Amino acid sequence: MFAKRVEVPTSYPRYTLEERGEGLRVVIPARRTCFMVGLSIMTLITPAGICFILFVSFLFMGYLGPSSQDLGGTPEIALSLLGSAIVMEIMILALMLGYGIFMMLWIMAGFQEIGITPEALVFQRKIFSWGRPKEYSAEHIKDLRVSPDIFSGGWGKGMDIGLYGGLLAFDYGVKTVRIVAGIDEAEAKQILAAIVARFPQYAAEGAAG
């Protein structure tokens, strides 16, 4: 049996790292997986079909249901049912369309950004220039490390577009914070090495030496 030789990947990493004054800035664009792109498209398409089915169902029950007269149904009750159905349909439509639009915007223009200085680590997920940064004080950051999560391998990798979790983890008080999702573990190790080389105070205990 002949073994297939695996070539060493030589493509450029997905992240960019740049010096900014006394700090570092790391930018990771959203990962575009076929599964999540397809899911986003389906989320945009399916609300129309669902609303049509619900509309026809409630219309049938309200106006044409054979038991409506036996139950004392009236046109007013039918209209009330129809109105409730329309309100529910609009809510479902708004939720699904909102989610689909957000996912498509994230896939097309979203990115993660890390700013590291001696005083703090600032992380945020942004679409275009919109985002809400989270600042973590350097004195409370402990044990910065690479720690794979459920999205970092196997079936979960196809769902990882950078919105949840992360491969870089650190202890912050009594909580464990995860950042930097949607990249390979090897890339996470490169980012960690660059941070620790510039700011040794962020190194995990026992790794600073």
C-alpha atoms as a PDB file:
ATOM      1  CA  MET A   1       0.000   0.000   0.000  1.00  0.00           C
ATOM      2  CA  PHE A   2       1.373   3.374  -1.012  1.00  0.00           C
ATOM      3  CA  ALA A   3       1.028   6.310   1.334  1.00  0.00           C
ATOM      4  CA  LYS A   4      -0.079   9.627  -0.058  1.00  0.00           C
ATOM      5  CA  ARG A   5       2.448  12.337   0.581  1.00  0.00           C
ATOM      6  CA  VAL A   6       0.945  15.405   2.248  1.00  0.00           C
ATOM      7  CA  GLU A   7       2.495  18.654   1.106  1.00  0.00           C
ATOM      8  CA  VAL A   8       3.233  21.364   3.645  1.00  0.00           C
ATOM      9  CA  PRO A   9       0.683  24.216   3.241  1.00  0.00           C
ATOM     10  CA  THR A  10       2.420  27.342   1.962  1.00  0.00           C
ATOM     11  CA  SER A  11      -0.497  29.772   1.656  1.00  0.00           C
ATOM     12  CA  TYR A  12      -0.478  32.997   3.601  1.00  0.00           C
ATOM     13  CA  PRO A  13      -2.206  33.007   7.008  1.00  0.00           C
ATOM     14  CA  ARG A  14      -5.716  34.412   7.153  1.00  0.00           C
ATOM     15  CA  TYR A  15      -4.804  36.954   9.790  1.00  0.00           C
ATOM     16  CA  THR A  16      -2.794  40.155   9.499  1.00  0.00           C
ATOM     17  CA  LEU A  17      -0.542  41.455  12.256  1.00  0.00           C
ATOM     18  CA  GLU A  18       0.859  44.958  12.427  1.00  0.00           C
ATOM     19  CA  GLU A  19       2.762  47.156  14.822  1.00  0.00           C
ATOM     20  CA  ARG A  20       0.882  50.191  16.134  1.00  0.00           C
ATOM     21  CA  GLY A  21       2.929  52.462  18.329  1.00  0.00           C
ATOM     22  CA  GLU A  22       3.566  50.581  21.526  1.00  0.00           C
ATOM     23  CA  GLY A  23       1.036  47.871  20.693  1.00  0.00           C
ATOM     24  CA  LEU A  24       0.048  45.138  18.254  1.00  0.00           C
ATOM     25  CA  ARG A  25      -3.077  44.867  16.103  1.00  0.00           C
ATOM     26  CA  VAL A  26      -4.338  41.541  14.780  1.00  0.00           C
ATOM     27  CA  VAL A  27      -7.184  41.318  12.248  1.00  0.00           C
ATOM     28  CA  ILE A  28      -8.909  38.057  11.286  1.00  0.00           C
ATOM     29  CA  PRO A  29     -11.578  38.188   8.555  1.00  0.00           C
ATOM     30  CA  ALA A  30     -14.707  36.076   8.855  1.00  0.00           C
ATOM     31  CA  ARG A  31     -14.330  32.533   7.571  1.00  0.00           C
ATOM     32  CA  ARG A  32     -16.560  31.795   4.580  1.00  0.00           C
ATOM     33  CA  THR A  33     -17.596  28.146   4.860  1.00  0.00           C
ATOM     34  CA  CYS A  34     -19.890  26.594   2.252  1.00  0.00           C
ATOM     35  CA  PHE A  35     -22.212  25.285   4.967  1.00  0.00           C
ATOM     36  CA  MET A  36     -22.761  28.658   6.630  1.00  0.00           C
ATOM     37  CA  VAL A  37     -23.074  30.533   3.318  1.00  0.00           C
ATOM     38  CA  GLY A  38     -25.741  28.034   2.241  1.00  0.00           C
ATOM     39  CA  LEU A  39     -27.493  28.302   5.611  1.00  0.00           C
ATOM     40  CA  SER A  40     -27.563  32.088   5.359  1.00  0.00           C
ATOM     41  CA  ILE A  41     -29.040  31.954   1.854  1.00  0.00           C
ATOM     42  CA  MET A  42     -31.684  29.454   2.982  1.00  0.00           C
ATOM     43  CA  THR A  43     -32.524  31.705   5.939  1.00  0.00           C
ATOM     44  CA  LEU A  44     -33.202  34.529   3.508  1.00  0.00           C
ATOM     45  CA  ILE A  45     -35.295  32.401   1.133  1.00  0.00           C
ATOM     46  CA  THR A  46     -37.412  30.196   3.401  1.00  0.00           C
ATOM     47  CA  PRO A  47     -39.410  32.874   5.316  1.00  0.00           C
ATOM     48  CA  ALA A  48     -41.525  33.579   2.244  1.00  0.00           C
ATOM     49  CA  GLY A  49     -42.466  29.908   1.896  1.00  0.00           C
ATOM     50  CA  ILE A  50     -43.197  29.493   5.605  1.00  0.00           C
ATOM     51  CA  CYS A  51     -45.371  32.602   5.708  1.00  0.00           C
ATOM     52  CA  PHE A  52     -47.308  31.484   2.635  1.00  0.00           C
ATOM     53  CA  ILE A  53     -48.025  28.086   4.195  1.00  0.00           C
ATOM     54  CA  LEU A  54     -49.128  29.649   7.488  1.00  0.00           C
ATOM     55  CA  PHE A  55     -51.279  32.201   5.697  1.00  0.00           C
ATOM     56  CA  VAL A  56     -53.088  29.564   3.627  1.00  0.00           C
ATOM     57  CA  SER A  57     -53.525  27.304   6.673  1.00  0.00           C
ATOM     58  CA  PHE A  58     -55.100  29.983   8.824  1.00  0.00           C
ATOM     59  CA  LEU A  59     -57.185  31.225   5.905  1.00  0.00           C
ATOM     60  CA  PHE A  60     -58.540  27.719   5.413  1.00  0.00           C
ATOM     61  CA  MET A  61     -59.269  27.244   9.115  1.00  0.00           C
ATOM     62  CA  GLY A  62     -60.900  30.642   9.453  1.00  0.00           C
ATOM     63  CA  TYR A  63     -63.092  30.722   6.347  1.00  0.00           C
ATOM     64  CA  LEU A  64     -63.352  27.251   4.882  1.00  0.00           C
ATOM     65  CA  GLY A  65     -62.925  24.958   7.887  1.00  0.00           C
ATOM     66  CA  PRO A  66     -65.851  22.519   7.827  1.00  0.00           C
ATOM     67  CA  SER A  67     -66.175  22.598  11.602  1.00  0.00           C
ATOM     68  CA  SER A  68     -66.119  26.381  11.992  1.00  0.00           C
ATOM     69  CA  GLN A  69     -69.894  26.711  11.775  1.00  0.00           C
ATOM     70  CA  ASP A  70     -70.416  23.718  14.076  1.00  0.00           C
ATOM     71  CA  LEU A  71     -68.279  25.466  16.671  1.00  0.00           C
ATOM     72  CA  GLY A  72     -70.232  28.677  16.301  1.00  0.00           C
ATOM     73  CA  GLY A  73     -67.606  30.351  14.124  1.00  0.00           C
ATOM     74  CA  THR A  74     -68.329  33.795  12.705  1.00  0.00           C
ATOM     75  CA  PRO A  75     -66.607  36.032  10.142  1.00  0.00           C
ATOM     76  CA  GLU A  76     -65.380  38.173  13.058  1.00  0.00           C
ATOM     77  CA  ILE A  77     -63.675  35.151  14.654  1.00  0.00           C
ATOM     78  CA  ALA A  78     -62.200  34.212  11.295  1.00  0.00           C
ATOM     79  CA  LEU A  79     -60.805  37.699  10.819  1.00  0.00           C
ATOM     80  CA  SER A  80     -59.377  37.630  14.336  1.00  0.00           C
ATOM     81  CA  LEU A  81     -57.617  34.323  13.621  1.00  0.00           C
ATOM     82  CA  LEU A  82     -56.356  35.658  10.335  1.00  0.00           C
ATOM     83  CA  GLY A  83     -55.053  38.824  11.997  1.00  0.00           C
ATOM     84  CA  SER A  84     -53.217  36.785  14.638  1.00  0.00           C
ATOM     85  CA  ALA A  85     -51.713  34.630  11.909  1.00  0.00           C
ATOM     86  CA  ILE A  86     -50.497  37.659   9.991  1.00  0.00           C
ATOM     87  CA  VAL A  87     -48.881  39.141  13.116  1.00  0.00           C
ATOM     88  CA  MET A  88     -47.132  35.832  13.839  1.00  0.00           C
ATOM     89  CA  GLU A  89     -45.983  35.549  10.239  1.00  0.00           C
ATOM     90  CA  ILE A  90     -44.525  39.055  10.311  1.00  0.00           C
ATOM     91  CA  MET A  91     -42.628  38.268  13.512  1.00  0.00           C
ATOM     92  CA  ILE A  92     -41.219  35.022  12.083  1.00  0.00           C
ATOM     93  CA  LEU A  93     -40.348  36.776   8.849  1.00  0.00           C
ATOM     94  CA  ALA A  94     -38.581  39.614  10.671  1.00  0.00           C
ATOM     95  CA  LEU A  95     -36.561  37.256  12.874  1.00  0.00           C
ATOM     96  CA  MET A  96     -35.456  34.990  10.043  1.00  0.00           C
ATOM     97  CA  LEU A  97     -34.696  37.832   7.650  1.00  0.00           C
ATOM     98  CA  GLY A  98     -32.804  39.702  10.375  1.00  0.00           C
ATOM     99  CA  TYR A  99     -30.704  36.658  11.176  1.00  0.00           C
ATOM    100  CA  GLY A 100     -30.064  35.927   7.502  1.00  0.00           C
ATOM    101  CA  ILE A 101     -29.056  39.519   6.728  1.00  0.00           C
ATOM    102  CA  PHE A 102     -26.756  39.646   9.767  1.00  0.00           C
ATOM    103  CA  MET A 103     -25.070  36.369   8.799  1.00  0.00           C
ATOM    104  CA  MET A 104     -24.530  37.479   5.205  1.00  0.00           C
ATOM    105  CA  LEU A 105     -23.114  40.829   6.333  1.00  0.00           C
ATOM    106  CA  TRP A 106     -20.773  39.057   8.759  1.00  0.00           C
ATOM    107  CA  ILE A 107     -19.597  36.566   6.141  1.00  0.00           C
ATOM    108  CA  MET A 108     -19.014  39.277   3.545  1.00  0.00           C
ATOM    109  CA  ALA A 109     -17.630  42.125   5.689  1.00  0.00           C
ATOM    110  CA  GLY A 110     -17.101  40.886   9.241  1.00  0.00           C
ATOM    111  CA  PHE A 111     -13.783  40.537  11.024  1.00  0.00           C
ATOM    112  CA  GLN A 112     -12.264  40.115  14.469  1.00  0.00           C
ATOM    113  CA  GLU A 113      -9.792  42.639  15.792  1.00  0.00           C
ATOM    114  CA  ILE A 114      -7.390  42.362  18.711  1.00  0.00           C
ATOM    115  CA  GLY A 115      -5.465  45.318  20.077  1.00  0.00           C
ATOM    116  CA  ILE A 116      -2.697  44.486  22.540  1.00  0.00           C
ATOM    117  CA  THR A 117      -0.760  46.982  24.646  1.00  0.00           C
ATOM    118  CA  PRO A 118       1.185  46.600  27.905  1.00  0.00           C
ATOM    119  CA  GLU A 119      -1.897  47.840  29.790  1.00  0.00           C
ATOM    120  CA  ALA A 120      -4.789  45.989  28.146  1.00  0.00           C
ATOM    121  CA  LEU A 121      -6.109  43.577  25.538  1.00  0.00           C
ATOM    122  CA  VAL A 122      -9.037  44.866  23.490  1.00  0.00           C
ATOM    123  CA  PHE A 123     -11.104  42.432  21.422  1.00  0.00           C
ATOM    124  CA  GLN A 124     -14.049  43.093  19.176  1.00  0.00           C
ATOM    125  CA  ARG A 125     -16.040  41.610  16.318  1.00  0.00           C
ATOM    126  CA  LYS A 126     -16.895  44.203  13.679  1.00  0.00           C
ATOM    127  CA  ILE A 127     -18.986  44.517  10.534  1.00  0.00           C
ATOM    128  CA  PHE A 128     -17.490  47.304   8.465  1.00  0.00           C
ATOM    129  CA  SER A 129     -16.690  49.809  11.237  1.00  0.00           C
ATOM    130  CA  TRP A 130     -19.474  48.739  13.626  1.00  0.00           C
ATOM    131  CA  GLY A 131     -18.562  46.765  16.694  1.00  0.00           C
ATOM    132  CA  ARG A 132     -18.485  46.837  20.470  1.00  0.00           C
ATOM    133  CA  PRO A 133     -14.993  46.494  21.925  1.00  0.00           C
ATOM    134  CA  LYS A 134     -14.309  44.593  25.136  1.00  0.00           C
ATOM    135  CA  GLU A 135     -11.268  45.725  27.088  1.00  0.00           C
ATOM    136  CA  TYR A 136      -9.457  43.376  29.467  1.00  0.00           C
ATOM    137  CA  SER A 137      -6.955  44.801  31.931  1.00  0.00           C
ATOM    138  CA  ALA A 138      -3.507  43.240  31.570  1.00  0.00           C
ATOM    139  CA  GLU A 139      -3.039  42.841  35.319  1.00  0.00           C
ATOM    140  CA  HIS A 140      -6.004  40.448  35.499  1.00  0.00           C
ATOM    141  CA  ILE A 141      -5.188  38.376  32.392  1.00  0.00           C
ATOM    142  CA  LYS A 142      -3.690  35.037  33.400  1.00  0.00           C
ATOM    143  CA  ASP A 143      -2.504  32.023  31.407  1.00  0.00           C
ATOM    144  CA  LEU A 144      -2.997  33.230  27.829  1.00  0.00           C
ATOM    145  CA  ARG A 145      -2.967  30.013  25.815  1.00  0.00           C
ATOM    146  CA  VAL A 146      -4.226  28.115  22.769  1.00  0.00           C
ATOM    147  CA  SER A 147      -7.231  26.035  23.822  1.00  0.00           C
ATOM    148  CA  PRO A 148      -9.298  24.275  21.099  1.00  0.00           C
ATOM    149  CA  ASP A 149     -13.096  24.416  21.454  1.00  0.00           C
ATOM    150  CA  ILE A 150     -15.941  22.414  19.911  1.00  0.00           C
ATOM    151  CA  PHE A 151     -15.788  24.455  16.691  1.00  0.00           C
ATOM    152  CA  SER A 152     -12.059  23.946  16.078  1.00  0.00           C
ATOM    153  CA  GLY A 153     -12.216  20.527  14.473  1.00  0.00           C
ATOM    154  CA  GLY A 154     -14.390  17.870  12.849  1.00  0.00           C
ATOM    155  CA  TRP A 155     -17.970  18.791  11.994  1.00  0.00           C
ATOM    156  CA  GLY A 156     -17.788  21.968  14.027  1.00  0.00           C
ATOM    157  CA  LYS A 157     -15.145  23.501  11.763  1.00  0.00           C
ATOM    158  CA  GLY A 158     -17.664  23.878   8.948  1.00  0.00           C
ATOM    159  CA  MET A 159     -19.833  26.020  11.238  1.00  0.00           C
ATOM    160  CA  ASP A 160     -17.015  28.189  12.563  1.00  0.00           C
ATOM    161  CA  ILE A 161     -17.152  31.569  10.838  1.00  0.00           C
ATOM    162  CA  GLY A 162     -15.638  33.505  13.721  1.00  0.00           C
ATOM    163  CA  LEU A 163     -18.761  34.519  15.627  1.00  0.00           C
ATOM    164  CA  TYR A 164     -18.526  32.268  18.669  1.00  0.00           C
ATOM    165  CA  GLY A 165     -15.884  30.982  21.044  1.00  0.00           C
ATOM    166  CA  GLY A 166     -12.247  31.125  20.074  1.00  0.00           C
ATOM    167  CA  LEU A 167      -8.936  29.283  20.112  1.00  0.00           C
ATOM    168  CA  LEU A 168      -7.133  31.776  22.330  1.00  0.00           C
ATOM    169  CA  ALA A 169      -8.198  31.558  25.955  1.00  0.00           C
ATOM    170  CA  PHE A 170      -7.178  33.281  29.167  1.00  0.00           C
ATOM    171  CA  ASP A 171      -8.370  33.418  32.743  1.00  0.00           C
ATOM    172  CA  TYR A 172      -9.879  36.734  33.758  1.00  0.00           C
ATOM    173  CA  GLY A 173     -10.812  36.722  37.407  1.00  0.00           C
ATOM    174  CA  VAL A 174     -13.123  33.750  37.926  1.00  0.00           C
ATOM    175  CA  LYS A 175     -14.036  33.471  34.217  1.00  0.00           C
ATOM    176  CA  THR A 176     -12.320  31.947  31.199  1.00  0.00           C
ATOM    177  CA  VAL A 177     -12.490  34.218  28.163  1.00  0.00           C
ATOM    178  CA  ARG A 178     -12.201  32.897  24.599  1.00  0.00           C
ATOM    179  CA  ILE A 179     -11.281  35.024  21.596  1.00  0.00           C
ATOM    180  CA  VAL A 180     -10.041  34.548  18.016  1.00  0.00           C
ATOM    181  CA  ALA A 181     -12.407  32.095  16.300  1.00  0.00           C
ATOM    182  CA  GLY A 182     -12.568  30.911  12.700  1.00  0.00           C
ATOM    183  CA  ILE A 183      -8.862  30.127  12.281  1.00  0.00           C
ATOM    184  CA  ASP A 184      -6.727  27.000  12.406  1.00  0.00           C
ATOM    185  CA  GLU A 185      -4.961  25.956  15.575  1.00  0.00           C
ATOM    186  CA  ALA A 186      -1.570  26.506  13.917  1.00  0.00           C
ATOM    187  CA  GLU A 187      -2.524  30.121  13.163  1.00  0.00           C
ATOM    188  CA  ALA A 188      -3.694  30.637  16.750  1.00  0.00           C
ATOM    189  CA  LYS A 189      -0.277  29.427  17.951  1.00  0.00           C
ATOM    190  CA  GLN A 190       1.440  31.911  15.629  1.00  0.00           C
ATOM    191  CA  ILE A 191      -0.685  34.778  16.960  1.00  0.00           C
ATOM    192  CA  LEU A 192       0.024  33.736  20.546  1.00  0.00           C
ATOM    193  CA  ALA A 193       3.773  33.541  19.845  1.00  0.00           C
ATOM    194  CA  ALA A 194       3.735  37.052  18.336  1.00  0.00           C
ATOM    195  CA  ILE A 195       1.872  38.464  21.353  1.00  0.00           C
ATOM    196  CA  VAL A 196       4.127  36.800  23.913  1.00  0.00           C
ATOM    197  CA  ALA A 197       7.290  37.779  22.035  1.00  0.00           C
ATOM    198  CA  ARG A 198       6.251  41.433  22.167  1.00  0.00           C
ATOM    199  CA  PHE A 199       4.618  41.353  25.611  1.00  0.00           C
ATOM    200  CA  PRO A 200       6.106  38.585  27.803  1.00  0.00           C
ATOM    201  CA  GLN A 201       3.770  39.513  30.662  1.00  0.00           C
ATOM    202  CA  TYR A 202       0.936  37.825  28.775  1.00  0.00           C
ATOM    203  CA  ALA A 203       2.725  34.463  28.640  1.00  0.00           C
ATOM    204  CA  ALA A 204       1.242  31.514  30.477  1.00  0.00           C
ATOM    205  CA  GLU A 205       2.908  30.610  33.761  1.00  0.00           C
ATOM    206  CA  GLY A 206       5.970  28.465  33.154  1.00  0.00           C
ATOM    207  CA  ALA A 207       6.188  29.505  29.473  1.00  0.00           C
ATOM    208  CA  ALA A 208       7.670  32.969  29.859  1.00  0.00           C
ATOM    209  CA  GLY A 209      11.204  31.697  30.274  1.00  0.00           C
END
